[in-house]
PDB file of N, CA and C in Angstrom:
ATOM      1  N   MET A   1     -47.218  23.466  39.151  1.00  0.00           N
ATOM      2  CA  MET A   1     -47.373  23.928  40.525  1.00  0.00           C
ATOM      3  C   MET A   1     -46.605  25.233  40.676  1.00  0.00           C
ATOM      4  N   ASN A   2     -47.292  26.276  41.045  1.00  0.00           N
ATOM      5  CA  ASN A   2     -46.632  27.551  41.312  1.00  0.00           C
ATOM      6  C   ASN A   2     -46.132  27.567  42.745  1.00  0.00           C
ATOM      7  N   VAL A   3     -44.901  28.032  42.931  1.00  0.00           N
ATOM      8  CA  VAL A   3     -44.326  28.182  44.265  1.00  0.00           C
ATOM      9  C   VAL A   3     -43.976  29.658  44.444  1.00  0.00           C
ATOM     10  N   PHE A   4     -44.344  30.197  45.588  1.00  0.00           N
ATOM     11  CA  PHE A   4     -44.127  31.611  45.877  1.00  0.00           C
ATOM     12  C   PHE A   4     -44.085  31.782  47.388  1.00  0.00           C
ATOM     13  N   PRO A   5     -43.513  32.885  47.885  1.00  0.00           N
ATOM     14  CA  PRO A   5     -43.486  33.099  49.335  1.00  0.00           C
ATOM     15  C   PRO A   5     -44.902  33.038  49.917  1.00  0.00           C
ATOM     16  N   GLY A   6     -45.037  32.246  50.953  1.00  0.00           N
ATOM     17  CA  GLY A   6     -46.330  32.017  51.583  1.00  0.00           C
ATOM     18  C   GLY A   6     -46.992  30.731  51.143  1.00  0.00           C
ATOM     19  N   ARG A   7     -46.558  30.133  50.046  1.00  0.00           N
ATOM     20  CA  ARG A   7     -47.123  28.860  49.562  1.00  0.00           C
ATOM     21  C   ARG A   7     -46.761  27.758  50.555  1.00  0.00           C
ATOM     22  N   VAL A   8     -47.749  26.961  50.937  1.00  0.00           N
ATOM     23  CA  VAL A   8     -47.541  25.815  51.819  1.00  0.00           C
ATOM     24  C   VAL A   8     -47.941  24.562  51.045  1.00  0.00           C
ATOM     25  N   ILE A   9     -47.011  23.634  50.907  1.00  0.00           N
ATOM     26  CA  ILE A   9     -47.274  22.341  50.279  1.00  0.00           C
ATOM     27  C   ILE A   9     -47.324  21.320  51.409  1.00  0.00           C
ATOM     28  N   THR A  10     -48.454  20.654  51.561  1.00  0.00           N
ATOM     29  CA  THR A  10     -48.626  19.679  52.632  1.00  0.00           C
ATOM     30  C   THR A  10     -48.767  18.291  52.026  1.00  0.00           C
ATOM     31  N   LEU A  11     -47.955  17.367  52.527  1.00  0.00           N
ATOM     32  CA  LEU A  11     -48.008  15.975  52.099  1.00  0.00           C
ATOM     33  C   LEU A  11     -48.330  15.122  53.311  1.00  0.00           C
ATOM     34  N   THR A  12     -49.351  14.294  53.208  1.00  0.00           N
ATOM     35  CA  THR A  12     -49.673  13.356  54.277  1.00  0.00           C
ATOM     36  C   THR A  12     -49.524  11.948  53.723  1.00  0.00           C
ATOM     37  N   GLY A  13     -49.135  11.044  54.601  1.00  0.00           N
ATOM     38  CA  GLY A  13     -48.963   9.668  54.164  1.00  0.00           C
ATOM     39  C   GLY A  13     -48.425   8.799  55.269  1.00  0.00           C
ATOM     40  N   ARG A  14     -47.890   7.660  54.851  1.00  0.00           N
ATOM     41  CA  ARG A  14     -47.333   6.691  55.782  1.00  0.00           C
ATOM     42  C   ARG A  14     -46.016   6.173  55.217  1.00  0.00           C
ATOM     43  N   VAL A  15     -45.025   6.110  56.093  1.00  0.00           N
ATOM     44  CA  VAL A  15     -43.744   5.515  55.731  1.00  0.00           C
ATOM     45  C   VAL A  15     -43.946   3.997  55.677  1.00  0.00           C
ATOM     46  N   ASP A  16     -43.427   3.354  54.635  1.00  0.00           N
ATOM     47  CA  ASP A  16     -43.536   1.896  54.534  1.00  0.00           C
ATOM     48  C   ASP A  16     -42.879   1.227  55.744  1.00  0.00           C
ATOM     49  N   HIS A  17     -43.400   0.059  56.140  1.00  0.00           N
ATOM     50  CA  HIS A  17     -42.884  -0.648  57.324  1.00  0.00           C
ATOM     51  C   HIS A  17     -41.419  -1.053  57.174  1.00  0.00           C
ATOM     52  N   ASN A  18     -41.011  -1.386  55.959  1.00  0.00           N
ATOM     53  CA  ASN A  18     -39.622  -1.798  55.728  1.00  0.00           C
ATOM     54  C   ASN A  18     -38.846  -0.707  54.991  1.00  0.00           C
ATOM     55  N   ALA A  19     -39.159   0.549  55.286  1.00  0.00           N
ATOM     56  CA  ALA A  19     -38.597   1.683  54.546  1.00  0.00           C
ATOM     57  C   ALA A  19     -37.076   1.749  54.660  1.00  0.00           C
ATOM     58  N   SER A  20     -36.463   2.039  53.522  1.00  0.00           N
ATOM     59  CA  SER A  20     -35.039   2.351  53.468  1.00  0.00           C
ATOM     60  C   SER A  20     -34.877   3.849  53.195  1.00  0.00           C
ATOM     61  N   ARG A  21     -35.565   4.321  52.133  1.00  0.00           N
ATOM     62  CA  ARG A  21     -35.476   5.731  51.734  1.00  0.00           C
ATOM     63  C   ARG A  21     -36.713   6.136  50.952  1.00  0.00           C
ATOM     64  N   PHE A  22     -37.004   7.427  50.991  1.00  0.00           N
ATOM     65  CA  PHE A  22     -37.940   8.008  50.044  1.00  0.00           C
ATOM     66  C   PHE A  22     -37.490   9.425  49.762  1.00  0.00           C
ATOM     67  N   GLU A  23     -38.115  10.065  48.769  1.00  0.00           N
ATOM     68  CA  GLU A  23     -37.720  11.425  48.444  1.00  0.00           C
ATOM     69  C   GLU A  23     -38.889  12.212  47.892  1.00  0.00           C
ATOM     70  N   PHE A  24     -38.854  13.506  48.189  1.00  0.00           N
ATOM     71  CA  PHE A  24     -39.729  14.502  47.588  1.00  0.00           C
ATOM     72  C   PHE A  24     -38.809  15.444  46.828  1.00  0.00           C
ATOM     73  N   ASN A  25     -39.177  15.768  45.591  1.00  0.00           N
ATOM     74  CA  ASN A  25     -38.382  16.683  44.783  1.00  0.00           C
ATOM     75  C   ASN A  25     -39.263  17.786  44.215  1.00  0.00           C
ATOM     76  N   LEU A  26     -38.843  19.022  44.352  1.00  0.00           N
ATOM     77  CA  LEU A  26     -39.463  20.139  43.652  1.00  0.00           C
ATOM     78  C   LEU A  26     -38.638  20.351  42.390  1.00  0.00           C
ATOM     79  N   LEU A  27     -39.274  20.138  41.231  1.00  0.00           N
ATOM     80  CA  LEU A  27     -38.581  20.126  39.948  1.00  0.00           C
ATOM     81  C   LEU A  27     -38.875  21.381  39.136  1.00  0.00           C
ATOM     82  N   THR A  28     -37.913  21.762  38.283  1.00  0.00           N
ATOM     83  CA  THR A  28     -38.100  22.916  37.408  1.00  0.00           C
ATOM     84  C   THR A  28     -38.865  22.541  36.146  1.00  0.00           C
ATOM     85  N   GLY A  29     -39.176  21.291  35.960  1.00  0.00           N
ATOM     86  CA  GLY A  29     -39.964  20.816  34.827  1.00  0.00           C
ATOM     87  C   GLY A  29     -40.502  19.438  35.139  1.00  0.00           C
ATOM     88  N   ALA A  30     -41.402  18.955  34.307  1.00  0.00           N
ATOM     89  CA  ALA A  30     -42.034  17.662  34.558  1.00  0.00           C
ATOM     90  C   ALA A  30     -41.459  16.576  33.649  1.00  0.00           C
ATOM     91  N   TYR A  31     -40.182  16.639  33.338  1.00  0.00           N
ATOM     92  CA  TYR A  31     -39.564  15.684  32.430  1.00  0.00           C
ATOM     93  C   TYR A  31     -38.190  15.272  32.962  1.00  0.00           C
ATOM     94  N   ASN A  32     -37.684  14.163  32.437  1.00  0.00           N
ATOM     95  CA  ASN A  32     -36.329  13.746  32.818  1.00  0.00           C
ATOM     96  C   ASN A  32     -35.350  14.822  32.378  1.00  0.00           C
ATOM     97  N   GLY A  33     -34.413  15.115  33.230  1.00  0.00           N
ATOM     98  CA  GLY A  33     -33.439  16.148  32.942  1.00  0.00           C
ATOM     99  C   GLY A  33     -33.770  17.488  33.568  1.00  0.00           C
ATOM    100  N   ALA A  34     -34.946  17.582  34.213  1.00  0.00           N
ATOM    101  CA  ALA A  34     -35.294  18.829  34.899  1.00  0.00           C
ATOM    102  C   ALA A  34     -34.358  19.023  36.088  1.00  0.00           C
ATOM    103  N   ASP A  35     -34.060  20.269  36.403  1.00  0.00           N
ATOM    104  CA  ASP A  35     -33.282  20.553  37.606  1.00  0.00           C
ATOM    105  C   ASP A  35     -34.141  20.270  38.841  1.00  0.00           C
ATOM    106  N   VAL A  36     -33.478  19.929  39.924  1.00  0.00           N
ATOM    107  CA  VAL A  36     -34.155  19.679  41.194  1.00  0.00           C
ATOM    108  C   VAL A  36     -33.883  20.887  42.083  1.00  0.00           C
ATOM    109  N   ALA A  37     -34.901  21.730  42.262  1.00  0.00           N
ATOM    110  CA  ALA A  37     -34.741  22.935  43.071  1.00  0.00           C
ATOM    111  C   ALA A  37     -34.602  22.585  44.548  1.00  0.00           C
ATOM    112  N   PHE A  38     -35.314  21.524  44.972  1.00  0.00           N
ATOM    113  CA  PHE A  38     -35.253  21.093  46.372  1.00  0.00           C
ATOM    114  C   PHE A  38     -35.467  19.588  46.426  1.00  0.00           C
ATOM    115  N   HIS A  39     -34.465  18.884  46.925  1.00  0.00           N
ATOM    116  CA  HIS A  39     -34.463  17.425  47.072  1.00  0.00           C
ATOM    117  C   HIS A  39     -34.473  17.126  48.565  1.00  0.00           C
ATOM    118  N   PHE A  40     -35.503  16.416  49.008  1.00  0.00           N
ATOM    119  CA  PHE A  40     -35.661  16.037  50.416  1.00  0.00           C
ATOM    120  C   PHE A  40     -35.686  14.514  50.463  1.00  0.00           C
ATOM    121  N   ASN A  41     -34.684  13.899  51.102  1.00  0.00           N
ATOM    122  CA  ASN A  41     -34.466  12.458  51.019  1.00  0.00           C
ATOM    123  C   ASN A  41     -34.215  11.841  52.395  1.00  0.00           C
ATOM    124  N   PRO A  42     -35.298  11.479  53.138  1.00  0.00           N
ATOM    125  CA  PRO A  42     -35.112  10.771  54.401  1.00  0.00           C
ATOM    126  C   PRO A  42     -34.511   9.384  54.141  1.00  0.00           C
ATOM    127  N   ARG A  43     -33.442   9.083  54.870  1.00  0.00           N
ATOM    128  CA  ARG A  43     -32.725   7.807  54.723  1.00  0.00           C
ATOM    129  C   ARG A  43     -32.779   7.071  56.056  1.00  0.00           C
ATOM    130  N   PHE A  44     -33.638   6.069  56.116  1.00  0.00           N
ATOM    131  CA  PHE A  44     -33.844   5.342  57.370  1.00  0.00           C
ATOM    132  C   PHE A  44     -32.626   4.496  57.732  1.00  0.00           C
ATOM    133  N   ASP A  45     -31.896   4.010  56.708  1.00  0.00           N
ATOM    134  CA  ASP A  45     -30.704   3.205  56.968  1.00  0.00           C
ATOM    135  C   ASP A  45     -29.594   4.048  57.600  1.00  0.00           C
ATOM    136  N   GLN A  46     -29.627   5.364  57.392  1.00  0.00           N
ATOM    137  CA  GLN A  46     -28.609   6.255  57.956  1.00  0.00           C
ATOM    138  C   GLN A  46     -29.167   7.191  59.030  1.00  0.00           C
ATOM    139  N   ARG A  47     -30.499   7.152  59.253  1.00  0.00           N
ATOM    140  CA  ARG A  47     -31.177   8.006  60.239  1.00  0.00           C
ATOM    141  C   ARG A  47     -30.853   9.486  60.026  1.00  0.00           C
ATOM    142  N   GLU A  48     -30.943   9.906  58.749  1.00  0.00           N
ATOM    143  CA  GLU A  48     -30.736  11.309  58.427  1.00  0.00           C
ATOM    144  C   GLU A  48     -31.611  11.687  57.236  1.00  0.00           C
ATOM    145  N   ALA A  49     -31.918  12.966  57.139  1.00  0.00           N
ATOM    146  CA  ALA A  49     -32.700  13.497  56.026  1.00  0.00           C
ATOM    147  C   ALA A  49     -31.797  14.416  55.216  1.00  0.00           C
ATOM    148  N   VAL A  50     -31.450  13.971  54.033  1.00  0.00           N
ATOM    149  CA  VAL A  50     -30.544  14.716  53.167  1.00  0.00           C
ATOM    150  C   VAL A  50     -31.347  15.724  52.341  1.00  0.00           C
ATOM    151  N   ARG A  51     -30.823  16.940  52.240  1.00  0.00           N
ATOM    152  CA  ARG A  51     -31.397  17.973  51.394  1.00  0.00           C
ATOM    153  C   ARG A  51     -30.335  18.441  50.417  1.00  0.00           C
ATOM    154  N   ASN A  52     -30.793  18.751  49.185  1.00  0.00           N
ATOM    155  CA  ASN A  52     -29.836  19.154  48.168  1.00  0.00           C
ATOM    156  C   ASN A  52     -30.589  19.788  46.999  1.00  0.00           C
ATOM    157  N   SER A  53     -29.834  20.233  46.005  1.00  0.00           N
ATOM    158  CA  SER A  53     -30.355  20.725  44.734  1.00  0.00           C
ATOM    159  C   SER A  53     -29.454  20.193  43.627  1.00  0.00           C
ATOM    160  N   CYS A  54     -30.041  20.035  42.433  1.00  0.00           N
ATOM    161  CA  CYS A  54     -29.288  19.537  41.284  1.00  0.00           C
ATOM    162  C   CYS A  54     -29.526  20.478  40.106  1.00  0.00           C
ATOM    163  N   GLN A  55     -28.440  21.068  39.600  1.00  0.00           N
ATOM    164  CA  GLN A  55     -28.518  21.972  38.457  1.00  0.00           C
ATOM    165  C   GLN A  55     -27.652  21.438  37.335  1.00  0.00           C
ATOM    166  N   GLY A  56     -28.224  21.311  36.149  1.00  0.00           N
ATOM    167  CA  GLY A  56     -27.467  20.850  34.996  1.00  0.00           C
ATOM    168  C   GLY A  56     -26.828  19.490  35.204  1.00  0.00           C
ATOM    169  N   GLY A  57     -27.466  18.631  36.005  1.00  0.00           N
ATOM    170  CA  GLY A  57     -26.955  17.292  36.269  1.00  0.00           C
ATOM    171  C   GLY A  57     -25.953  17.210  37.403  1.00  0.00           C
ATOM    172  N   GLY A  58     -25.601  18.348  38.007  1.00  0.00           N
ATOM    173  CA  GLY A  58     -24.619  18.351  39.091  1.00  0.00           C
ATOM    174  C   GLY A  58     -25.260  18.656  40.435  1.00  0.00           C
ATOM    175  N   TRP A  59     -25.031  17.785  41.417  1.00  0.00           N
ATOM    176  CA  TRP A  59     -25.560  17.962  42.767  1.00  0.00           C
ATOM    177  C   TRP A  59     -24.670  18.892  43.564  1.00  0.00           C
ATOM    178  N   GLY A  60     -25.277  19.694  44.422  1.00  0.00           N
ATOM    179  CA  GLY A  60     -24.546  20.579  45.310  1.00  0.00           C
ATOM    180  C   GLY A  60     -24.168  19.856  46.585  1.00  0.00           C
ATOM    181  N   PRO A  61     -23.667  20.585  47.581  1.00  0.00           N
ATOM    182  CA  PRO A  61     -23.316  19.965  48.867  1.00  0.00           C
ATOM    183  C   PRO A  61     -24.579  19.549  49.625  1.00  0.00           C
ATOM    184  N   GLU A  62     -24.523  18.363  50.224  1.00  0.00           N
ATOM    185  CA  GLU A  62     -25.649  17.854  51.004  1.00  0.00           C
ATOM    186  C   GLU A  62     -25.754  18.565  52.340  1.00  0.00           C
ATOM    187  N   GLU A  63     -26.998  18.767  52.781  1.00  0.00           N
ATOM    188  CA  GLU A  63     -27.280  19.251  54.128  1.00  0.00           C
ATOM    189  C   GLU A  63     -27.979  18.120  54.865  1.00  0.00           C
ATOM    190  N   LYS A  64     -27.573  17.854  56.120  1.00  0.00           N
ATOM    191  CA  LYS A  64     -28.104  16.707  56.855  1.00  0.00           C
ATOM    192  C   LYS A  64     -28.519  17.007  58.286  1.00  0.00           C
ATOM    193  N   GLN A  65     -28.181  18.168  58.825  1.00  0.00           N
ATOM    194  CA  GLN A  65     -28.444  18.469  60.228  1.00  0.00           C
ATOM    195  C   GLN A  65     -29.944  18.544  60.486  1.00  0.00           C
ATOM    196  N   GLY A  66     -30.354  18.435  61.750  1.00  0.00           N
ATOM    197  CA  GLY A  66     -31.746  18.675  62.093  1.00  0.00           C
ATOM    198  C   GLY A  66     -32.494  17.507  62.698  1.00  0.00           C
ATOM    199  N   GLY A  67     -31.831  16.377  62.927  1.00  0.00           N
ATOM    200  CA  GLY A  67     -32.509  15.249  63.547  1.00  0.00           C
ATOM    201  C   GLY A  67     -33.314  14.437  62.553  1.00  0.00           C
ATOM    202  N   PHE A  68     -34.047  13.444  63.083  1.00  0.00           N
ATOM    203  CA  PHE A  68     -34.774  12.509  62.216  1.00  0.00           C
ATOM    204  C   PHE A  68     -36.042  12.027  62.927  1.00  0.00           C
ATOM    205  N   PRO A  69     -37.164  12.750  62.766  1.00  0.00           N
ATOM    206  CA  PRO A  69     -38.387  12.416  63.502  1.00  0.00           C
ATOM    207  C   PRO A  69     -39.263  11.337  62.866  1.00  0.00           C
ATOM    208  N   LEU A  70     -38.863  10.774  61.718  1.00  0.00           N
ATOM    209  CA  LEU A  70     -39.690   9.780  61.035  1.00  0.00           C
ATOM    210  C   LEU A  70     -39.350   8.362  61.479  1.00  0.00           C
ATOM    211  N   HIS A  71     -40.372   7.460  61.393  1.00  0.00           N
ATOM    212  CA  HIS A  71     -40.187   6.056  61.764  1.00  0.00           C
ATOM    213  C   HIS A  71     -40.927   5.175  60.772  1.00  0.00           C
ATOM    214  N   PRO A  72     -40.354   4.001  60.426  1.00  0.00           N
ATOM    215  CA  PRO A  72     -41.067   3.084  59.540  1.00  0.00           C
ATOM    216  C   PRO A  72     -42.454   2.764  60.090  1.00  0.00           C
ATOM    217  N   GLY A  73     -43.437   2.713  59.189  1.00  0.00           N
ATOM    218  CA  GLY A  73     -44.808   2.411  59.564  1.00  0.00           C
ATOM    219  C   GLY A  73     -45.588   3.601  60.093  1.00  0.00           C
ATOM    220  N   GLN A  74     -44.927   4.723  60.312  1.00  0.00           N
ATOM    221  CA  GLN A  74     -45.553   5.900  60.910  1.00  0.00           C
ATOM    222  C   GLN A  74     -46.299   6.730  59.868  1.00  0.00           C
ATOM    223  N   GLN A  75     -47.464   7.248  60.275  1.00  0.00           N
ATOM    224  CA  GLN A  75     -48.138   8.263  59.477  1.00  0.00           C
ATOM    225  C   GLN A  75     -47.432   9.591  59.715  1.00  0.00           C
ATOM    226  N   PHE A  76     -47.506  10.486  58.732  1.00  0.00           N
ATOM    227  CA  PHE A  76     -46.840  11.779  58.868  1.00  0.00           C
ATOM    228  C   PHE A  76     -47.606  12.850  58.122  1.00  0.00           C
ATOM    229  N   GLU A  77     -47.316  14.082  58.495  1.00  0.00           N
ATOM    230  CA  GLU A  77     -47.719  15.257  57.730  1.00  0.00           C
ATOM    231  C   GLU A  77     -46.480  16.123  57.611  1.00  0.00           C
ATOM    232  N   ILE A  78     -46.051  16.339  56.388  1.00  0.00           N
ATOM    233  CA  ILE A  78     -44.882  17.174  56.136  1.00  0.00           C
ATOM    234  C   ILE A  78     -45.348  18.410  55.382  1.00  0.00           C
ATOM    235  N   GLN A  79     -44.940  19.567  55.875  1.00  0.00           N
ATOM    236  CA  GLN A  79     -45.233  20.836  55.226  1.00  0.00           C
ATOM    237  C   GLN A  79     -43.939  21.435  54.698  1.00  0.00           C
ATOM    238  N   ILE A  80     -43.988  21.893  53.459  1.00  0.00           N
ATOM    239  CA  ILE A  80     -42.892  22.651  52.866  1.00  0.00           C
ATOM    240  C   ILE A  80     -43.443  24.057  52.655  1.00  0.00           C
ATOM    241  N   ILE A  81     -42.898  25.021  53.372  1.00  0.00           N
ATOM    242  CA  ILE A  81     -43.381  26.395  53.319  1.00  0.00           C
ATOM    243  C   ILE A  81     -42.324  27.236  52.620  1.00  0.00           C
ATOM    244  N   CYS A  82     -42.737  27.947  51.580  1.00  0.00           N
ATOM    245  CA  CYS A  82     -41.806  28.786  50.829  1.00  0.00           C
ATOM    246  C   CYS A  82     -41.717  30.179  51.453  1.00  0.00           C
ATOM    247  N   PHE A  83     -40.506  30.608  51.728  1.00  0.00           N
ATOM    248  CA  PHE A  83     -40.202  31.965  52.161  1.00  0.00           C
ATOM    249  C   PHE A  83     -39.341  32.605  51.065  1.00  0.00           C
ATOM    250  N   PRO A  84     -39.151  33.915  51.079  1.00  0.00           N
ATOM    251  CA  PRO A  84     -38.377  34.554  50.012  1.00  0.00           C
ATOM    252  C   PRO A  84     -36.971  33.985  49.822  1.00  0.00           C
ATOM    253  N   ASP A  85     -36.313  33.552  50.909  1.00  0.00           N
ATOM    254  CA  ASP A  85     -34.937  33.069  50.770  1.00  0.00           C
ATOM    255  C   ASP A  85     -34.735  31.601  51.157  1.00  0.00           C
ATOM    256  N   HIS A  86     -35.793  30.908  51.606  1.00  0.00           N
ATOM    257  CA  HIS A  86     -35.629  29.503  52.028  1.00  0.00           C
ATOM    258  C   HIS A  86     -36.966  28.777  52.064  1.00  0.00           C
ATOM    259  N   TYR A  87     -36.875  27.446  52.178  1.00  0.00           N
ATOM    260  CA  TYR A  87     -38.029  26.607  52.489  1.00  0.00           C
ATOM    261  C   TYR A  87     -37.948  26.251  53.972  1.00  0.00           C
ATOM    262  N   GLN A  88     -39.074  26.265  54.650  1.00  0.00           N
ATOM    263  CA  GLN A  88     -39.183  25.781  56.025  1.00  0.00           C
ATOM    264  C   GLN A  88     -39.908  24.441  55.930  1.00  0.00           C
ATOM    265  N   VAL A  89     -39.330  23.396  56.502  1.00  0.00           N
ATOM    266  CA  VAL A  89     -39.957  22.083  56.484  1.00  0.00           C
ATOM    267  C   VAL A  89     -40.371  21.714  57.900  1.00  0.00           C
ATOM    268  N   ASN A  90     -41.641  21.375  58.035  1.00  0.00           N
ATOM    269  CA  ASN A  90     -42.214  20.952  59.313  1.00  0.00           C
ATOM    270  C   ASN A  90     -42.660  19.504  59.194  1.00  0.00           C
ATOM    271  N   CYS A  91     -42.544  18.767  60.283  1.00  0.00           N
ATOM    272  CA  CYS A  91     -42.984  17.375  60.332  1.00  0.00           C
ATOM    273  C   CYS A  91     -43.918  17.203  61.524  1.00  0.00           C
ATOM    274  N   ASN A  92     -45.132  16.764  61.254  1.00  0.00           N
ATOM    275  CA  ASN A  92     -46.133  16.518  62.296  1.00  0.00           C
ATOM    276  C   ASN A  92     -46.313  17.724  63.213  1.00  0.00           C
ATOM    277  N   GLY A  93     -46.360  18.911  62.602  1.00  0.00           N
ATOM    278  CA  GLY A  93     -46.634  20.130  63.340  1.00  0.00           C
ATOM    279  C   GLY A  93     -45.448  20.774  64.024  1.00  0.00           C
ATOM    280  N   HIS A  94     -44.248  20.207  63.855  1.00  0.00           N
ATOM    281  CA  HIS A  94     -43.048  20.746  64.495  1.00  0.00           C
ATOM    282  C   HIS A  94     -42.032  21.177  63.440  1.00  0.00           C
ATOM    283  N   ALA A  95     -41.397  22.324  63.656  1.00  0.00           N
ATOM    284  CA  ALA A  95     -40.351  22.781  62.745  1.00  0.00           C
ATOM    285  C   ALA A  95     -39.236  21.746  62.702  1.00  0.00           C
ATOM    286  N   TRP A  96     -38.772  21.427  61.511  1.00  0.00           N
ATOM    287  CA  TRP A  96     -37.717  20.429  61.360  1.00  0.00           C
ATOM    288  C   TRP A  96     -36.418  21.102  60.918  1.00  0.00           C
ATOM    289  N   TYR A  97     -36.434  21.822  59.782  1.00  0.00           N
ATOM    290  CA  TYR A  97     -35.223  22.481  59.302  1.00  0.00           C
ATOM    291  C   TYR A  97     -35.599  23.505  58.250  1.00  0.00           C
ATOM    292  N   THR A  98     -34.629  24.323  57.853  1.00  0.00           N
ATOM    293  CA  THR A  98     -34.793  25.237  56.728  1.00  0.00           C
ATOM    294  C   THR A  98     -33.770  24.878  55.658  1.00  0.00           C
ATOM    295  N   TYR A  99     -34.090  25.251  54.430  1.00  0.00           N
ATOM    296  CA  TYR A  99     -33.209  24.992  53.297  1.00  0.00           C
ATOM    297  C   TYR A  99     -33.210  26.236  52.411  1.00  0.00           C
ATOM    298  N   ARG A 100     -32.039  26.885  52.313  1.00  0.00           N
ATOM    299  CA  ARG A 100     -31.927  28.105  51.505  1.00  0.00           C
ATOM    300  C   ARG A 100     -32.056  27.769  50.018  1.00  0.00           C
ATOM    301  N   HIS A 101     -32.771  28.630  49.291  1.00  0.00           N
ATOM    302  CA  HIS A 101     -32.951  28.429  47.848  1.00  0.00           C
ATOM    303  C   HIS A 101     -31.608  28.463  47.141  1.00  0.00           C
ATOM    304  N   ARG A 102     -31.359  27.456  46.339  1.00  0.00           N
ATOM    305  CA  ARG A 102     -30.192  27.453  45.446  1.00  0.00           C
ATOM    306  C   ARG A 102     -30.644  27.680  44.010  1.00  0.00           C
ATOM    307  N   ILE A 103     -31.881  27.318  43.728  1.00  0.00           N
ATOM    308  CA  ILE A 103     -32.522  27.561  42.439  1.00  0.00           C
ATOM    309  C   ILE A 103     -33.760  28.402  42.762  1.00  0.00           C
ATOM    310  N   PRO A 104     -33.999  29.481  42.032  1.00  0.00           N
ATOM    311  CA  PRO A 104     -35.135  30.341  42.372  1.00  0.00           C
ATOM    312  C   PRO A 104     -36.459  29.564  42.440  1.00  0.00           C
ATOM    313  N   TYR A 105     -37.225  29.833  43.484  1.00  0.00           N
ATOM    314  CA  TYR A 105     -38.504  29.146  43.680  1.00  0.00           C
ATOM    315  C   TYR A 105     -39.454  29.382  42.506  1.00  0.00           C
ATOM    316  N   GLN A 106     -39.284  30.491  41.786  1.00  0.00           N
ATOM    317  CA  GLN A 106     -40.150  30.808  40.649  1.00  0.00           C
ATOM    318  C   GLN A 106     -40.017  29.781  39.526  1.00  0.00           C
ATOM    319  N   GLN A 107     -38.925  29.007  39.525  1.00  0.00           N
ATOM    320  CA  GLN A 107     -38.705  28.020  38.469  1.00  0.00           C
ATOM    321  C   GLN A 107     -39.366  26.673  38.762  1.00  0.00           C
ATOM    322  N   VAL A 108     -39.873  26.463  39.974  1.00  0.00           N
ATOM    323  CA  VAL A 108     -40.488  25.179  40.332  1.00  0.00           C
ATOM    324  C   VAL A 108     -41.788  24.997  39.556  1.00  0.00           C
ATOM    325  N   GLN A 109     -41.917  23.806  38.932  1.00  0.00           N
ATOM    326  CA  GLN A 109     -43.107  23.488  38.141  1.00  0.00           C
ATOM    327  C   GLN A 109     -43.786  22.196  38.575  1.00  0.00           C
ATOM    328  N   ALA A 110     -43.093  21.326  39.304  1.00  0.00           N
ATOM    329  CA  ALA A 110     -43.666  20.013  39.602  1.00  0.00           C
ATOM    330  C   ALA A 110     -43.135  19.464  40.918  1.00  0.00           C
ATOM    331  N   LEU A 111     -43.936  18.589  41.519  1.00  0.00           N
ATOM    332  CA  LEU A 111     -43.553  17.832  42.705  1.00  0.00           C
ATOM    333  C   LEU A 111     -43.432  16.376  42.308  1.00  0.00           C
ATOM    334  N   GLN A 112     -42.334  15.740  42.703  1.00  0.00           N
ATOM    335  CA  GLN A 112     -42.094  14.328  42.426  1.00  0.00           C
ATOM    336  C   GLN A 112     -41.933  13.599  43.749  1.00  0.00           C
ATOM    337  N   VAL A 113     -42.527  12.403  43.850  1.00  0.00           N
ATOM    338  CA  VAL A 113     -42.406  11.562  45.038  1.00  0.00           C
ATOM    339  C   VAL A 113     -41.909  10.197  44.585  1.00  0.00           C
ATOM    340  N   LYS A 114     -40.894   9.663  45.290  1.00  0.00           N
ATOM    341  CA  LYS A 114     -40.322   8.345  44.966  1.00  0.00           C
ATOM    342  C   LYS A 114     -40.014   7.607  46.257  1.00  0.00           C
ATOM    343  N   GLY A 115     -39.984   6.283  46.184  1.00  0.00           N
ATOM    344  CA  GLY A 115     -39.434   5.487  47.271  1.00  0.00           C
ATOM    345  C   GLY A 115     -40.451   4.833  48.180  1.00  0.00           C
ATOM    346  N   ASP A 116     -39.995   4.538  49.405  1.00  0.00           N
ATOM    347  CA  ASP A 116     -40.708   3.698  50.365  1.00  0.00           C
ATOM    348  C   ASP A 116     -41.720   4.484  51.188  1.00  0.00           C
ATOM    349  N   VAL A 117     -42.717   5.041  50.493  1.00  0.00           N
ATOM    350  CA  VAL A 117     -43.708   5.875  51.163  1.00  0.00           C
ATOM    351  C   VAL A 117     -45.025   5.781  50.390  1.00  0.00           C
ATOM    352  N   THR A 118     -46.127   5.855  51.104  1.00  0.00           N
ATOM    353  CA  THR A 118     -47.445   5.918  50.493  1.00  0.00           C
ATOM    354  C   THR A 118     -48.037   7.282  50.816  1.00  0.00           C
ATOM    355  N   ILE A 119     -48.330   8.055  49.788  1.00  0.00           N
ATOM    356  CA  ILE A 119     -48.888   9.391  49.967  1.00  0.00           C
ATOM    357  C   ILE A 119     -50.410   9.282  49.904  1.00  0.00           C
ATOM    358  N   THR A 120     -51.085   9.855  50.894  1.00  0.00           N
ATOM    359  CA  THR A 120     -52.549   9.831  50.921  1.00  0.00           C
ATOM    360  C   THR A 120     -53.160  11.153  50.464  1.00  0.00           C
ATOM    361  N   ASN A 121     -52.404  12.249  50.589  1.00  0.00           N
ATOM    362  CA  ASN A 121     -52.937  13.547  50.202  1.00  0.00           C
ATOM    363  C   ASN A 121     -51.801  14.523  49.953  1.00  0.00           C
ATOM    364  N   VAL A 122     -51.962  15.344  48.947  1.00  0.00           N
ATOM    365  CA  VAL A 122     -51.053  16.457  48.663  1.00  0.00           C
ATOM    366  C   VAL A 122     -51.933  17.665  48.396  1.00  0.00           C
ATOM    367  N   TYR A 123     -51.689  18.734  49.098  1.00  0.00           N
ATOM    368  CA  TYR A 123     -52.418  19.952  48.789  1.00  0.00           C
ATOM    369  C   TYR A 123     -51.520  21.149  49.029  1.00  0.00           C
ATOM    370  N   ALA A 124     -51.825  22.205  48.283  1.00  0.00           N
ATOM    371  CA  ALA A 124     -51.044  23.432  48.375  1.00  0.00           C
ATOM    372  C   ALA A 124     -52.009  24.594  48.539  1.00  0.00           C
ATOM    373  N   TYR A 125     -51.647  25.502  49.388  1.00  0.00           N
ATOM    374  CA  TYR A 125     -52.465  26.706  49.581  1.00  0.00           C
ATOM    375  C   TYR A 125     -51.569  27.890  49.835  1.00  0.00           C
TER     376      TYR A 125
END
């Protein structure tokens, strides 16, 4: 997956009814040990969405501000929009937060999804 300024990655799906957590990761490779350029981890047990990056096995400082618009059992559309210096994340058509690049977006090669979520569609344009 190529990521560049103007690229929009849209994920649609439904949060599991008994959701605890799920995550979307933009990875620098498609194998174990790849760096995580952007980690997005909604935590329903804590009512916060953690964002971070992992380089060489070490996680940076977590970002958590911005509210929590997701609910168990809810359908959603999340957009990750790449800008030259940050990602803009929107949820259900509303701006949610921004995340400054810690790893260059040019290194992103894969999208990973884990946890208590069912994805119905992923598309990038």
